[in-house]
């Protein structure tokens, strides 16, 4: 079986080292402490929690079902668009959660089927130029150089369209998965706008954009401005956090938490409870030193 090389709180998943063991033990300790001190009760707080994954290997599928079962005990699972709309309007009257997947791996297809078993839709962020690629050499280059993992099969357009028919949403992850902070402004704008144009032409609409790698140092205020100028409804990060109220500015940043189906449930829920405890009213999601630039672009 091919291993995932995604970075996680454990390090690189699938590779066990002294460091990953130490991190796993630390997370076990923190999750136990949260349970003993009642801090896991923060999961009951009214908020919107965005959860995302990359892969779902066959041996992880039942664990994914267990994650969903655990979530629905104290969350209402909603579509990505409903979650975004609830943040936009501040209509957050209970704990809400939604799922998304990045990169467009073929493993997203069974993930979508599992979500549908629970009557839930997800949002799958894909790069249009990679859809339907079957050349093994190119897949190796894409997966190793763009996704930092071994070669894996990617979704075809037929499979993407099947997911849409099943009620799932497709979002943009740029055309070619570059780190937007490392390319020219013209290239950045093209990656953002062209991917929306291609997806809209193929699928009818695309509302949401998630930038590759997902951390703020992979992005810029100019890129955030380009996302909203291109017509997307949301700009989505991989920065941990949740949303408890209407943001203080219209062009806000969605915070998402990376979760792996292979993790113990206690470790995943520790992160979600921590988000709930540290969430603040009116949070716009962006780094504080970006606000003046983004506020000016919104005013124009």
Protein backbone atom coordinates (compact mmCIF):
# COMPACT_ATOMS: atom_id res chain seq x y z
CA UNK A 1 0.00 0.00 0.00
CA UNK A 2 1.21 3.51 -0.80
CA UNK A 3 1.86 5.67 2.26
CA UNK A 4 0.70 9.23 2.72
CA UNK A 5 3.39 11.79 3.33
CA UNK A 6 1.12 14.57 4.54
CA UNK A 7 2.36 16.65 7.44
CA UNK A 8 0.28 16.13 10.55
CA UNK A 9 0.66 16.94 14.23
CA UNK A 10 2.42 13.57 14.34
CA UNK A 11 4.96 14.59 11.66
CA UNK A 12 4.85 12.85 8.29
CA UNK A 13 2.02 10.34 8.41
CA UNK A 14 2.91 6.73 7.80
CA UNK A 15 6.48 7.19 9.00
CA UNK A 16 7.02 6.42 12.69
CA UNK A 17 9.88 8.26 14.37
CA UNK A 18 10.77 9.13 17.96
CA UNK A 19 9.41 12.61 17.29
CA UNK A 20 6.05 11.36 15.99
CA UNK A 21 5.73 9.01 18.96
CA UNK A 22 6.45 11.90 21.33
CA UNK A 23 3.86 14.09 19.61
CA UNK A 24 1.30 11.30 19.73
CA UNK A 25 1.90 10.82 23.44
CA UNK A 26 1.63 14.57 24.02
CA UNK A 27 -1.69 14.70 22.17
CA UNK A 28 -2.94 11.72 24.15
CA UNK A 29 -2.01 13.55 27.34
CA UNK A 30 -3.72 16.77 26.26
CA UNK A 31 -6.89 15.03 25.13
CA UNK A 32 -7.03 13.13 28.44
CA UNK A 33 -6.53 16.39 30.36
CA UNK A 34 -9.33 18.04 28.39
CA UNK A 35 -11.68 15.17 29.27
CA UNK A 36 -10.76 15.17 32.97
CA UNK A 37 -11.13 18.96 33.31
CA UNK A 38 -14.37 19.23 31.36
CA UNK A 39 -12.83 21.23 28.54
CA UNK A 40 -14.17 18.77 25.98
CA UNK A 41 -17.56 20.29 26.84
CA UNK A 42 -16.47 23.19 24.62
CA UNK A 43 -17.59 21.00 21.71
CA UNK A 44 -21.13 21.96 22.72
CA UNK A 45 -20.47 25.66 22.06
CA UNK A 46 -22.42 27.25 19.21
CA UNK A 47 -19.95 27.64 16.34
CA UNK A 48 -19.12 26.57 12.79
CA UNK A 49 -16.25 24.08 12.49
CA UNK A 50 -14.69 23.38 9.09
CA UNK A 51 -12.88 20.02 8.92
CA UNK A 52 -10.73 18.84 6.05
CA UNK A 53 -8.81 15.76 4.97
CA UNK A 54 -6.62 14.83 2.03
CA UNK A 55 -6.60 11.06 1.74
CA UNK A 56 -8.85 8.19 2.73
CA UNK A 57 -7.17 4.82 2.24
CA UNK A 58 -9.46 1.74 2.26
CA UNK A 59 -8.31 0.74 5.74
CA UNK A 60 -9.29 4.23 7.00
CA UNK A 61 -12.87 4.14 5.72
CA UNK A 62 -14.45 2.63 8.84
CA UNK A 63 -12.50 5.07 11.03
CA UNK A 64 -13.93 7.89 8.91
CA UNK A 65 -17.42 6.56 9.56
CA UNK A 66 -16.63 6.49 13.27
CA UNK A 67 -15.45 10.11 13.11
CA UNK A 68 -18.74 11.14 11.49
CA UNK A 69 -20.75 9.15 14.04
CA UNK A 70 -18.87 10.83 16.87
CA UNK A 71 -19.36 14.29 15.39
CA UNK A 72 -23.11 13.99 14.93
CA UNK A 73 -23.56 13.35 18.66
CA UNK A 74 -23.07 17.07 19.34
CA UNK A 75 -22.87 18.75 15.92
CA UNK A 76 -25.22 19.32 13.04
CA UNK A 77 -23.38 18.40 9.84
CA UNK A 78 -24.12 20.78 6.97
CA UNK A 79 -22.90 21.47 3.45
CA UNK A 80 -19.85 23.64 2.94
CA UNK A 81 -21.96 26.42 1.42
CA UNK A 82 -24.39 26.40 4.33
CA UNK A 83 -21.47 26.56 6.74
CA UNK A 84 -20.01 29.56 4.90
CA UNK A 85 -23.40 31.28 4.79
CA UNK A 86 -23.91 30.78 8.52
CA UNK A 87 -20.56 32.43 9.20
CA UNK A 88 -21.35 35.29 6.82
CA UNK A 89 -24.69 36.03 8.46
CA UNK A 90 -23.75 35.11 12.02
CA UNK A 91 -26.66 32.62 12.10
CA UNK A 92 -24.86 30.24 14.44
CA UNK A 93 -27.45 28.83 16.83
CA UNK A 94 -25.86 25.43 17.52
CA UNK A 95 -22.59 23.58 16.86
CA UNK A 96 -22.22 23.07 13.10
CA UNK A 97 -19.54 21.17 11.20
CA UNK A 98 -18.75 20.44 7.57
CA UNK A 99 -16.23 18.38 5.62
CA UNK A 100 -13.92 19.17 2.74
CA UNK A 101 -11.08 17.35 0.98
CA UNK A 102 -8.11 18.85 -0.85
CA UNK A 103 -6.12 17.83 -3.95
CA UNK A 104 -8.60 15.71 -5.92
CA UNK A 105 -7.27 12.23 -5.15
CA UNK A 106 -9.40 9.39 -6.51
CA UNK A 107 -9.85 8.36 -2.87
CA UNK A 108 -12.27 11.29 -2.64
CA UNK A 109 -14.85 9.18 -4.50
CA UNK A 110 -15.41 6.64 -1.66
CA UNK A 111 -15.14 9.51 0.83
CA UNK A 112 -18.08 11.16 -0.91
CA UNK A 113 -20.03 7.89 -0.83
CA UNK A 114 -19.43 7.56 2.93
CA UNK A 115 -20.59 11.12 3.57
CA UNK A 116 -23.72 10.37 1.52
CA UNK A 117 -24.44 7.37 3.79
CA UNK A 118 -24.98 9.90 6.56
CA UNK A 119 -26.95 12.31 4.38
CA UNK A 120 -24.04 14.75 4.34
CA UNK A 121 -22.38 16.57 1.46
CA UNK A 122 -18.77 17.67 1.28
CA UNK A 123 -16.71 20.14 -0.74
CA UNK A 124 -13.83 18.71 -2.77
CA UNK A 125 -11.13 21.21 -3.77
CA UNK A 126 -9.44 20.22 -7.03
CA UNK A 127 -6.91 21.53 -9.55
CA UNK A 128 -8.56 21.43 -13.02
CA UNK A 129 -5.32 20.86 -14.92
CA UNK A 130 -4.71 17.61 -12.99
CA UNK A 131 -8.19 16.11 -13.42
CA UNK A 132 -8.16 13.02 -15.61
CA UNK A 133 -4.37 12.63 -15.64
CA UNK A 134 -3.41 8.94 -16.00
CA UNK A 135 0.19 9.08 -17.21
CA UNK A 136 2.19 7.43 -14.43
CA UNK A 137 5.22 9.64 -14.97
CA UNK A 138 3.13 12.80 -14.73
CA UNK A 139 1.22 11.48 -11.72
CA UNK A 140 4.52 10.83 -9.99
CA UNK A 141 5.67 14.40 -10.73
CA UNK A 142 2.37 15.94 -9.60
CA UNK A 143 2.06 13.95 -6.40
CA UNK A 144 5.70 14.13 -5.35
CA UNK A 145 6.40 17.75 -6.31
CA UNK A 146 2.99 19.36 -5.72
CA UNK A 147 1.35 17.21 -3.04
CA UNK A 148 4.46 15.82 -1.25
CA UNK A 149 3.30 12.22 -1.45
CA UNK A 150 3.85 9.10 -3.60
CA UNK A 151 2.06 8.80 -6.94
CA UNK A 152 -1.67 8.18 -6.51
CA UNK A 153 -4.61 8.14 -8.89
CA UNK A 154 -6.48 11.41 -9.36
CA UNK A 155 -10.15 12.01 -10.08
CA UNK A 156 -11.38 11.97 -13.67
CA UNK A 157 -13.90 14.49 -14.96
CA UNK A 158 -16.49 11.70 -15.08
CA UNK A 159 -15.89 11.00 -11.39
CA UNK A 160 -16.01 14.71 -10.52
CA UNK A 161 -19.34 15.03 -12.34
CA UNK A 162 -20.61 11.92 -10.52
CA UNK A 163 -19.77 13.55 -7.19
CA UNK A 164 -21.68 16.68 -8.18
CA UNK A 165 -24.70 14.53 -9.11
CA UNK A 166 -24.45 12.94 -5.66
CA UNK A 167 -24.91 16.40 -4.12
CA UNK A 168 -21.29 17.29 -3.32
CA UNK A 169 -19.65 20.62 -4.09
CA UNK A 170 -16.46 21.14 -6.06
CA UNK A 171 -14.14 23.99 -5.13
CA UNK A 172 -11.04 25.46 -6.72
CA UNK A 173 -7.55 24.61 -5.48
CA UNK A 174 -5.87 26.69 -8.26
CA UNK A 175 -5.04 25.33 -11.71
CA UNK A 176 -1.66 23.75 -10.89
CA UNK A 177 -1.24 23.79 -7.08
CA UNK A 178 1.60 26.34 -6.81
CA UNK A 179 2.49 28.09 -3.58
CA UNK A 180 0.85 31.41 -4.44
CA UNK A 181 3.23 33.45 -2.28
CA UNK A 182 6.15 32.25 -4.44
CA UNK A 183 4.95 33.16 -7.92
CA UNK A 184 4.42 36.47 -9.71
CA UNK A 185 1.27 38.51 -9.19
CA UNK A 186 0.15 37.85 -12.78
CA UNK A 187 0.67 34.08 -12.39
CA UNK A 188 -1.13 34.14 -9.05
CA UNK A 189 -4.14 35.95 -10.48
CA UNK A 190 -4.29 33.54 -13.42
CA UNK A 191 -4.13 30.46 -11.18
CA UNK A 192 -7.07 31.79 -9.17
CA UNK A 193 -9.28 33.13 -11.96
CA UNK A 194 -8.65 30.48 -14.64
CA UNK A 195 -9.45 27.61 -12.29
CA UNK A 196 -12.81 29.19 -11.53
CA UNK A 197 -13.51 29.71 -15.23
CA UNK A 198 -12.66 26.10 -16.11
CA UNK A 199 -14.67 24.61 -13.26
CA UNK A 200 -17.66 26.86 -13.98
CA UNK A 201 -17.57 25.87 -17.64
CA UNK A 202 -17.42 22.15 -16.79
CA UNK A 203 -19.70 22.01 -13.75
CA UNK A 204 -21.96 25.06 -13.87
CA UNK A 205 -20.63 26.90 -10.84
CA UNK A 206 -17.87 27.00 -8.26
CA UNK A 207 -18.23 29.04 -5.08
CA UNK A 208 -15.23 28.27 -2.90
CA UNK A 209 -11.46 28.60 -3.15
CA UNK A 210 -8.84 26.91 -0.93
CA UNK A 211 -5.22 27.90 -1.46
CA UNK A 212 -2.51 25.21 -1.73
CA UNK A 213 -0.63 24.31 1.46
CA UNK A 214 -3.08 26.50 3.33
CA UNK A 215 -0.91 28.40 5.80
CA UNK A 216 -0.68 32.20 5.79
CA UNK A 217 2.99 32.14 4.77
CA UNK A 218 1.88 30.34 1.58
CA UNK A 219 -0.50 33.20 0.72
CA UNK A 220 -0.60 37.02 0.53
CA UNK A 221 -3.12 39.84 0.99
CA UNK A 222 -2.96 40.43 -2.80
CA UNK A 223 -3.94 36.80 -3.39
CA UNK A 224 -6.84 37.13 -0.96
CA UNK A 225 -8.01 40.19 -2.87
CA UNK A 226 -7.69 38.28 -6.16
CA UNK A 227 -9.87 35.46 -4.82
CA UNK A 228 -12.78 37.76 -4.04
CA UNK A 229 -12.28 39.80 -7.21
CA UNK A 230 -12.55 36.56 -9.21
CA UNK A 231 -16.04 36.03 -7.79
CA UNK A 232 -15.59 33.31 -5.17
CA UNK A 233 -17.86 33.30 -2.12
CA UNK A 234 -15.13 32.17 0.26
CA UNK A 235 -11.37 32.07 0.72
CA UNK A 236 -10.36 28.96 2.63
CA UNK A 237 -7.21 28.28 4.65
CA UNK A 238 -5.65 25.36 6.49
CA UNK A 239 -5.16 27.46 9.62
CA UNK A 240 -6.77 25.92 12.67
CA UNK A 241 -9.77 27.62 14.25
CA UNK A 242 -13.55 27.87 14.15
CA UNK A 243 -16.16 30.60 13.76
CA UNK A 244 -18.57 31.71 16.49
CA UNK A 245 -20.04 34.93 15.04
CA UNK A 246 -20.31 37.11 11.97
CA UNK A 247 -16.84 38.32 10.90
CA UNK A 248 -15.88 41.96 11.26
CA UNK A 249 -15.27 42.30 7.49
CA UNK A 250 -17.05 40.84 4.43
CA UNK A 251 -13.98 39.33 2.75
CA UNK A 252 -13.00 37.05 5.61
CA UNK A 253 -10.88 33.91 5.83
CA UNK A 254 -12.34 30.49 6.57
CA UNK A 255 -10.33 28.59 9.18
CA UNK A 256 -10.19 24.81 8.73
CA UNK A 257 -8.80 21.98 10.83
CA UNK A 258 -6.87 19.13 9.27
CA UNK A 259 -7.99 15.76 10.61
CA UNK A 260 -6.80 12.30 9.58
CA UNK A 261 -9.20 9.37 9.73
CA UNK A 262 -6.38 7.27 11.18
CA UNK A 263 -6.00 9.44 14.30
CA UNK A 264 -7.56 8.41 17.62
CA UNK A 265 -10.86 10.27 18.03
CA UNK A 266 -9.64 11.88 21.24
CA UNK A 267 -6.78 13.56 19.42
CA UNK A 268 -9.07 14.99 16.74
CA UNK A 269 -11.59 16.25 19.27
CA UNK A 270 -8.86 17.85 21.36
CA UNK A 271 -8.10 20.18 18.44
CA UNK A 272 -11.78 20.96 17.89
CA UNK A 273 -12.39 21.66 21.58
CA UNK A 274 -9.30 23.87 21.74
CA UNK A 275 -10.63 25.86 18.77
CA UNK A 276 -13.92 26.37 20.55
CA UNK A 277 -12.25 27.54 23.74
CA UNK A 278 -10.03 30.08 21.97
CA UNK A 279 -12.57 31.43 19.44
CA UNK A 280 -13.42 35.13 19.70
CA UNK A 281 -16.34 37.22 18.51
CA UNK A 282 -16.06 38.95 15.15
CA UNK A 283 -12.92 37.09 14.12
CA UNK A 284 -12.16 37.82 10.43
CA UNK A 285 -9.68 34.96 10.24
CA UNK A 286 -6.77 36.91 8.73
CA UNK A 287 -3.44 37.85 10.32
CA UNK A 288 -3.78 41.21 12.03
CA UNK A 289 -1.13 42.86 9.85
CA UNK A 290 -3.14 42.03 6.70
CA UNK A 291 -6.28 43.84 7.81
CA UNK A 292 -5.49 47.36 6.63
CA UNK A 293 -4.64 46.15 3.12
CA UNK A 294 -7.74 43.94 2.88
CA UNK A 295 -10.02 46.62 4.32
CA UNK A 296 -8.81 49.08 1.67
CA UNK A 297 -9.47 46.57 -1.12
CA UNK A 298 -12.97 45.94 0.26
CA UNK A 299 -13.67 49.68 0.30
CA UNK A 300 -12.76 49.94 -3.39
